[in-house]
Amino acid sequence: MADTNIKNKRIIDFVKYRYLWLSFSAILLIPCVVAILFLTITQPNHAPLKLGIDFTGGTILQYSVDGKVPADKIAKVREQLNEKGIKTSTIQVASTSSIDDEYNNIISIKTEFIGDKSNKNKEKEATTIVQNNFEGAQLAQVNSVGPTLGSELLKNTLIALCIAFVAMVIYISFRFQIEYGWIALLTLAHNALFVVGIFALKGIFFDTTIDSLFITAILTVIGYSINDTIVVFDRVRENVRFLSKKHSSNEIINASINQTFARSVNTSLTTLFTLVALYFFGGTTIKDFVLAIIIGVVVGTYSSIFVAGSILSIVKEKLENKKNA
């Protein structure tokens, strides 16, 4: 049974500063929304993010290089590739280790689709160019996705995201009340928008592209966030059963958030310890994937405590005022 003496407890007054929490979220989301709109307007495909070959089709050639990779040599490689008719959209360099000035780098070249037999010579020409500029360079990996397959994968990905959102809203609306479902939807949209916005900014300033792993990260973030939000909502519902006759909805919501606060923070911290270790020691191929989950966990924890609770208190307060009017 819930403790009925919630007024006598020393608790953090989350509800009192609810508009402050919501304003803080809005301020953080402004650059994210601007970046998304910028890419949507300026990109030929009008996508809110820079899409990788998983969605657009193309080929990524990755070369292992020992030694430093000067920017002028990268520019020379790009120029020579263009002369051979190999159109490159990005050339990126990732360092995998740096010990006693000995470097092991990965040069990643994204080109048009050259995965079929008719374009096999282009792969050899690209390898020759890289090896001529970087002694000892070795072709480590080749990834190719056809344009048709990429377009189909993007379509299926968007459908999967929509289904996940709708299913969660329906479940929460059925399990709790309809207003809980819409608040959960707003919270999930807040979290997803923040992660997408950060990667839109990375796309603008660092030419970062997203692949299917990013969508996996978004779905993971949505699942993690909704779990945290449901914990808060469930505690609110439980407290309402015992405290609604003696306390206002704002007092009950405030007490419920305080009761779940330590649990949410501790769970998130233990998750973050693992994710941070993966980010720094898990290899370059999963860095963006792990970074997306790290951002999602932090934002998801914040939104479950501050955003969802704040919106719920506003909605409940208006419903009470309407009922008493």
Protein backbone atom coordinates (compact mmCIF):
# COMPACT_ATOMS: atom_id res chain seq x y z
CA MET A 1 0.00 0.00 0.00
CA ALA A 2 1.24 3.47 -0.84
CA ASP A 3 2.38 5.80 1.94
CA THR A 4 -0.33 8.43 2.53
CA ASN A 5 1.96 10.95 4.27
CA ILE A 6 3.63 12.25 1.15
CA LYS A 7 3.50 15.90 2.26
CA ASN A 8 5.72 15.17 5.25
CA LYS A 9 8.46 13.66 3.13
CA ARG A 10 11.46 15.66 1.93
CA ILE A 11 11.16 15.21 -1.80
CA ILE A 12 12.35 17.00 -4.93
CA ASP A 13 9.57 19.17 -6.29
CA PHE A 14 9.65 18.13 -9.96
CA VAL A 15 6.17 19.42 -10.71
CA LYS A 16 6.87 22.93 -9.38
CA TYR A 17 9.48 23.51 -12.10
CA ARG A 18 7.70 21.60 -14.86
CA TYR A 19 7.70 24.52 -17.29
CA LEU A 20 11.43 24.95 -16.69
CA TRP A 21 12.09 21.30 -17.63
CA LEU A 22 9.94 21.59 -20.76
CA SER A 23 11.63 24.87 -21.75
CA PHE A 24 15.05 23.28 -21.31
CA SER A 25 14.03 20.42 -23.62
CA ALA A 26 12.68 22.88 -26.18
CA ILE A 27 15.94 24.86 -26.18
CA LEU A 28 18.01 21.69 -26.70
CA LEU A 29 15.73 20.56 -29.53
CA ILE A 30 15.95 23.83 -31.49
CA PRO A 31 19.37 23.14 -33.10
CA CYS A 32 18.29 19.55 -33.75
CA VAL A 33 15.15 20.65 -35.59
CA VAL A 34 17.10 23.29 -37.55
CA ALA A 35 19.66 20.68 -38.64
CA ILE A 36 16.93 18.24 -39.70
CA LEU A 37 15.11 20.94 -41.70
CA PHE A 38 18.37 22.07 -43.30
CA LEU A 39 19.20 18.57 -44.56
CA THR A 40 15.61 17.98 -45.65
CA ILE A 41 15.67 21.12 -47.78
CA THR A 42 19.22 20.92 -49.16
CA GLN A 43 19.59 17.19 -49.88
CA PRO A 44 18.45 15.93 -53.32
CA ASN A 45 16.51 13.06 -51.71
CA HIS A 46 15.04 15.42 -49.04
CA ALA A 47 16.01 13.02 -46.26
CA PRO A 48 16.40 14.47 -42.74
CA LEU A 49 19.70 12.61 -42.35
CA LYS A 50 22.59 11.76 -44.61
CA LEU A 51 21.79 8.22 -45.70
CA GLY A 52 24.43 5.53 -46.04
CA ILE A 53 24.64 2.92 -48.76
CA ASP A 54 22.22 0.69 -46.85
CA PHE A 55 19.46 3.06 -47.98
CA THR A 56 20.78 4.76 -51.12
CA GLY A 57 22.78 1.99 -52.73
CA GLY A 58 26.50 2.17 -53.39
CA THR A 59 29.81 0.60 -52.48
CA ILE A 60 32.13 1.21 -49.55
CA LEU A 61 35.78 0.23 -49.97
CA GLN A 62 37.80 0.08 -46.76
CA TYR A 63 41.60 0.01 -46.79
CA SER A 64 43.93 -0.69 -43.89
CA VAL A 65 46.86 1.75 -43.90
CA ASP A 66 49.94 1.81 -41.64
CA GLY A 67 51.23 5.31 -41.02
CA LYS A 68 49.80 8.79 -41.02
CA VAL A 69 47.17 9.85 -43.55
CA PRO A 70 47.76 13.49 -44.59
CA ALA A 71 44.82 15.51 -45.86
CA ASP A 72 46.63 16.42 -49.08
CA LYS A 73 47.03 12.74 -49.97
CA ILE A 74 43.33 12.15 -49.41
CA ALA A 75 42.57 15.05 -51.75
CA LYS A 76 44.96 13.54 -54.32
CA VAL A 77 43.22 10.14 -54.06
CA ARG A 78 39.84 11.80 -54.59
CA GLU A 79 41.13 13.64 -57.66
CA GLN A 80 42.62 10.50 -59.20
CA LEU A 81 39.43 8.51 -58.55
CA ASN A 82 37.38 11.16 -60.33
CA GLU A 83 39.77 11.06 -63.29
CA LYS A 84 39.12 7.32 -63.58
CA GLY A 85 35.36 7.93 -63.55
CA ILE A 86 34.88 6.60 -60.03
CA LYS A 87 32.45 9.02 -58.40
CA THR A 88 33.11 9.40 -54.68
CA SER A 89 30.71 10.99 -52.23
CA THR A 90 32.89 10.68 -49.12
CA ILE A 91 36.38 9.59 -48.12
CA GLN A 92 36.77 9.16 -44.37
CA VAL A 93 39.74 8.21 -42.21
CA ALA A 94 39.35 6.40 -38.89
CA SER A 95 42.24 5.67 -36.53
CA THR A 96 42.04 2.30 -34.84
CA SER A 97 45.15 2.73 -32.66
CA SER A 98 47.95 5.15 -31.86
CA ILE A 99 50.89 3.80 -29.86
CA ASP A 100 54.37 5.37 -29.92
CA ASP A 101 53.51 7.33 -33.06
CA GLU A 102 52.61 4.15 -34.94
CA TYR A 103 49.26 4.54 -36.63
CA ASN A 104 46.85 1.98 -37.99
CA ASN A 105 44.20 3.77 -40.03
CA ILE A 106 41.18 2.75 -42.04
CA ILE A 107 40.46 4.72 -45.21
CA SER A 108 36.79 4.37 -46.12
CA ILE A 109 35.77 5.35 -49.66
CA LYS A 110 32.09 5.55 -50.53
CA THR A 111 31.40 5.39 -54.26
CA GLU A 112 28.56 4.73 -56.66
CA PHE A 113 27.43 1.11 -56.90
CA ILE A 114 30.27 -0.95 -58.40
CA GLY A 115 29.23 -4.35 -57.15
CA ASP A 116 28.32 -5.93 -60.48
CA LYS A 117 30.73 -7.65 -62.88
CA SER A 118 30.73 -4.80 -65.41
CA ASN A 119 32.18 -2.43 -62.78
CA LYS A 120 34.62 -4.88 -61.21
CA ASN A 121 37.54 -3.10 -62.87
CA LYS A 122 36.66 0.10 -61.00
CA GLU A 123 37.25 -1.67 -57.71
CA LYS A 124 40.70 -2.75 -58.90
CA GLU A 125 41.44 0.76 -60.18
CA ALA A 126 40.45 2.29 -56.83
CA THR A 127 42.67 -0.20 -54.99
CA THR A 128 45.60 0.61 -57.26
CA ILE A 129 45.18 4.35 -56.68
CA VAL A 130 45.09 3.94 -52.89
CA GLN A 131 48.11 1.62 -52.89
CA ASN A 132 50.08 4.04 -55.09
CA ASN A 133 49.49 6.82 -52.57
CA PHE A 134 49.80 4.74 -49.40
CA GLU A 135 52.48 2.10 -49.38
CA GLY A 136 51.34 -1.18 -47.89
CA ALA A 137 47.63 -0.33 -48.07
CA GLN A 138 45.42 -3.42 -48.10
CA LEU A 139 41.79 -3.77 -49.14
CA ALA A 140 40.13 -4.86 -45.88
CA GLN A 141 36.43 -4.88 -46.72
CA VAL A 142 33.98 -4.24 -49.56
CA ASN A 143 30.29 -3.56 -48.92
CA SER A 144 27.87 -3.10 -51.80
CA VAL A 145 24.12 -2.45 -51.81
CA GLY A 146 22.10 -2.02 -54.98
CA PRO A 147 19.91 1.10 -55.36
CA THR A 148 16.68 -0.94 -55.52
CA LEU A 149 17.50 -2.92 -52.39
CA GLY A 150 18.50 0.27 -50.55
CA SER A 151 15.21 1.98 -51.42
CA GLU A 152 13.21 -1.08 -50.31
CA LEU A 153 15.16 -1.27 -47.04
CA LEU A 154 14.45 2.41 -46.31
CA LYS A 155 10.74 1.88 -46.94
CA ASN A 156 10.59 -1.17 -44.67
CA THR A 157 12.55 0.69 -41.98
CA LEU A 158 10.08 3.57 -41.90
CA ILE A 159 7.18 1.11 -41.71
CA ALA A 160 8.85 -0.69 -38.79
CA LEU A 161 9.32 2.58 -36.90
CA CYS A 162 5.69 3.60 -37.44
CA ILE A 163 4.41 0.20 -36.30
CA ALA A 164 6.58 0.37 -33.16
CA PHE A 165 5.27 3.84 -32.27
CA VAL A 166 1.61 2.97 -32.88
CA ALA A 167 1.79 -0.37 -31.05
CA MET A 168 3.30 1.25 -27.96
CA VAL A 169 0.70 4.04 -27.88
CA ILE A 170 -2.17 1.54 -28.25
CA TYR A 171 -0.78 -0.66 -25.48
CA ILE A 172 -0.27 2.20 -23.04
CA SER A 173 -3.68 3.70 -23.84
CA PHE A 174 -5.28 0.30 -23.17
CA ARG A 175 -3.17 -0.48 -20.10
CA PHE A 176 -3.56 2.94 -18.50
CA GLN A 177 -5.68 5.76 -19.96
CA ILE A 178 -5.83 7.50 -23.34
CA GLU A 179 -3.96 10.58 -22.10
CA TYR A 180 -1.09 8.37 -20.93
CA GLY A 181 -0.79 6.99 -24.45
CA TRP A 182 -0.51 10.41 -26.09
CA ILE A 183 1.96 11.60 -23.46
CA ALA A 184 4.07 8.49 -24.10
CA LEU A 185 3.95 9.25 -27.83
CA LEU A 186 5.14 12.83 -27.23
CA THR A 187 7.93 11.56 -24.99
CA LEU A 188 9.07 9.00 -27.56
CA ALA A 189 8.96 11.62 -30.31
CA HIS A 190 11.04 13.92 -28.08
CA ASN A 191 13.68 11.22 -27.58
CA ALA A 192 13.80 10.11 -31.22
CA LEU A 193 13.93 13.71 -32.46
CA PHE A 194 16.87 14.45 -30.20
CA VAL A 195 18.88 11.45 -31.39
CA VAL A 196 18.04 12.13 -35.04
CA GLY A 197 18.90 15.81 -34.57
CA ILE A 198 22.33 15.04 -33.13
CA PHE A 199 23.11 12.81 -36.10
CA ALA A 200 21.78 15.46 -38.49
CA LEU A 201 24.29 17.87 -36.92
CA LYS A 202 27.02 15.23 -37.27
CA GLY A 203 26.02 14.80 -40.89
CA ILE A 204 26.35 18.54 -41.54
CA PHE A 205 29.65 19.08 -39.73
CA PHE A 206 31.34 15.66 -39.96
CA ASP A 207 29.63 14.13 -43.01
CA THR A 208 28.29 11.25 -40.89
CA THR A 209 25.88 8.91 -42.67
CA ILE A 210 23.41 6.49 -41.11
CA ASP A 211 22.91 2.82 -41.88
CA SER A 212 20.62 0.04 -40.72
CA LEU A 213 22.44 -0.10 -37.37
CA PHE A 214 21.23 3.42 -36.65
CA ILE A 215 17.63 2.29 -37.06
CA THR A 216 18.35 -0.57 -34.67
CA ALA A 217 19.67 1.99 -32.20
CA ILE A 218 16.53 4.14 -32.56
CA LEU A 219 14.28 1.12 -31.91
CA THR A 220 16.43 0.21 -28.90
CA VAL A 221 16.15 3.75 -27.56
CA ILE A 222 12.36 3.74 -28.03
CA GLY A 223 12.05 0.43 -26.16
CA TYR A 224 14.31 1.58 -23.34
CA SER A 225 12.56 4.94 -23.01
CA ILE A 226 9.05 3.51 -22.95
CA ASN A 227 10.08 1.05 -20.25
CA ASP A 228 11.27 3.91 -18.04
CA THR A 229 8.14 5.93 -18.74
CA ILE A 230 5.84 3.00 -17.94
CA VAL A 231 7.56 2.60 -14.55
CA VAL A 232 6.66 6.20 -13.70
CA PHE A 233 3.12 5.88 -15.05
CA ASP A 234 2.54 2.63 -13.16
CA ARG A 235 3.63 4.22 -9.89
CA VAL A 236 1.32 7.19 -10.53
CA ARG A 237 -1.60 4.85 -11.17
CA GLU A 238 -0.86 2.85 -8.03
CA ASN A 239 -0.63 5.99 -5.87
CA VAL A 240 -3.85 7.40 -7.33
CA ARG A 241 -5.73 4.39 -5.98
CA PHE A 242 -4.74 5.20 -2.40
CA LEU A 243 -4.02 8.92 -2.34
CA SER A 244 -6.54 10.56 -4.69
CA LYS A 245 -8.97 11.44 -1.86
CA LYS A 246 -6.36 13.22 0.25
CA HIS A 247 -3.96 14.71 -2.29
CA SER A 248 -4.08 16.56 -5.59
CA SER A 249 -2.89 14.98 -8.82
CA ASN A 250 0.24 17.19 -8.81
CA GLU A 251 1.20 15.98 -5.34
CA ILE A 252 0.66 12.37 -6.37
CA ILE A 253 2.68 12.75 -9.59
CA ASN A 254 5.47 14.49 -7.68
CA ALA A 255 5.62 11.71 -5.11
CA SER A 256 5.53 9.02 -7.81
CA ILE A 257 8.46 10.54 -9.72
CA ASN A 258 10.47 10.77 -6.50
CA GLN A 259 9.75 7.13 -5.72
CA THR A 260 11.05 6.00 -9.12
CA PHE A 261 13.85 8.57 -9.49
CA ALA A 262 16.65 6.54 -7.88
CA ARG A 263 15.65 3.39 -9.76
CA SER A 264 15.69 5.17 -13.14
CA VAL A 265 19.03 6.88 -12.57
CA ASN A 266 20.76 3.75 -11.22
CA THR A 267 19.50 1.60 -14.10
CA SER A 268 20.65 4.15 -16.66
CA LEU A 269 24.08 4.55 -15.09
CA THR A 270 24.79 0.82 -15.11
CA THR A 271 23.72 0.70 -18.77
CA LEU A 272 25.89 3.71 -19.63
CA PHE A 273 29.00 2.14 -18.08
CA THR A 274 28.75 -0.72 -20.57
CA LEU A 275 27.94 1.54 -23.51
CA VAL A 276 30.84 3.92 -22.82
CA ALA A 277 33.24 0.97 -22.65
CA LEU A 278 31.87 -0.27 -26.00
CA TYR A 279 32.22 3.20 -27.54
CA PHE A 280 35.90 3.54 -26.69
CA PHE A 281 37.01 -0.09 -27.05
CA GLY A 282 34.44 -1.68 -29.37
CA GLY A 283 35.93 -0.64 -32.71
CA THR A 284 35.16 2.07 -35.25
CA THR A 285 32.38 0.18 -37.06
CA ILE A 286 29.96 0.37 -34.11
CA LYS A 287 30.89 3.80 -32.71
CA ASP A 288 27.91 5.64 -34.22
CA PHE A 289 25.55 2.82 -33.23
CA VAL A 290 26.73 2.93 -29.61
CA LEU A 291 26.74 6.73 -29.57
CA ALA A 292 23.09 6.80 -30.69
CA ILE A 293 22.14 4.46 -27.83
CA ILE A 294 24.17 6.49 -25.30
CA ILE A 295 22.36 9.68 -26.33
CA GLY A 296 19.03 7.84 -26.28
CA VAL A 297 19.56 6.40 -22.80
CA VAL A 298 20.51 9.80 -21.34
CA VAL A 299 17.64 11.63 -23.05
CA GLY A 300 15.22 8.79 -22.32
CA THR A 301 15.98 8.88 -18.61
CA TYR A 302 15.62 12.66 -18.55
CA SER A 303 12.34 12.61 -20.47
CA SER A 304 10.80 9.86 -18.33
CA ILE A 305 11.46 11.84 -15.16
CA PHE A 306 11.11 15.44 -16.28
CA VAL A 307 9.19 15.56 -19.57
CA ALA A 308 6.58 12.80 -19.18
CA GLY A 309 5.84 13.75 -15.57
CA SER A 310 5.59 17.45 -16.40
CA ILE A 311 3.18 16.91 -19.30
CA LEU A 312 1.11 14.49 -17.22
CA SER A 313 0.80 17.00 -14.38
CA ILE A 314 -0.33 19.74 -16.80
CA VAL A 315 -2.93 17.44 -18.40
CA LYS A 316 -4.23 16.16 -15.07
CA GLU A 317 -4.43 19.67 -13.65
CA LYS A 318 -6.48 20.90 -16.62
CA LEU A 319 -8.80 17.89 -16.39
CA GLU A 320 -9.33 18.57 -12.68
CA ASN A 321 -10.02 22.27 -13.28
CA LYS A 322 -12.47 21.39 -16.04
CA LYS A 323 -14.21 18.89 -13.79
CA ASN A 324 -14.48 21.37 -10.91
CA ALA A 325 -15.62 24.26 -13.08
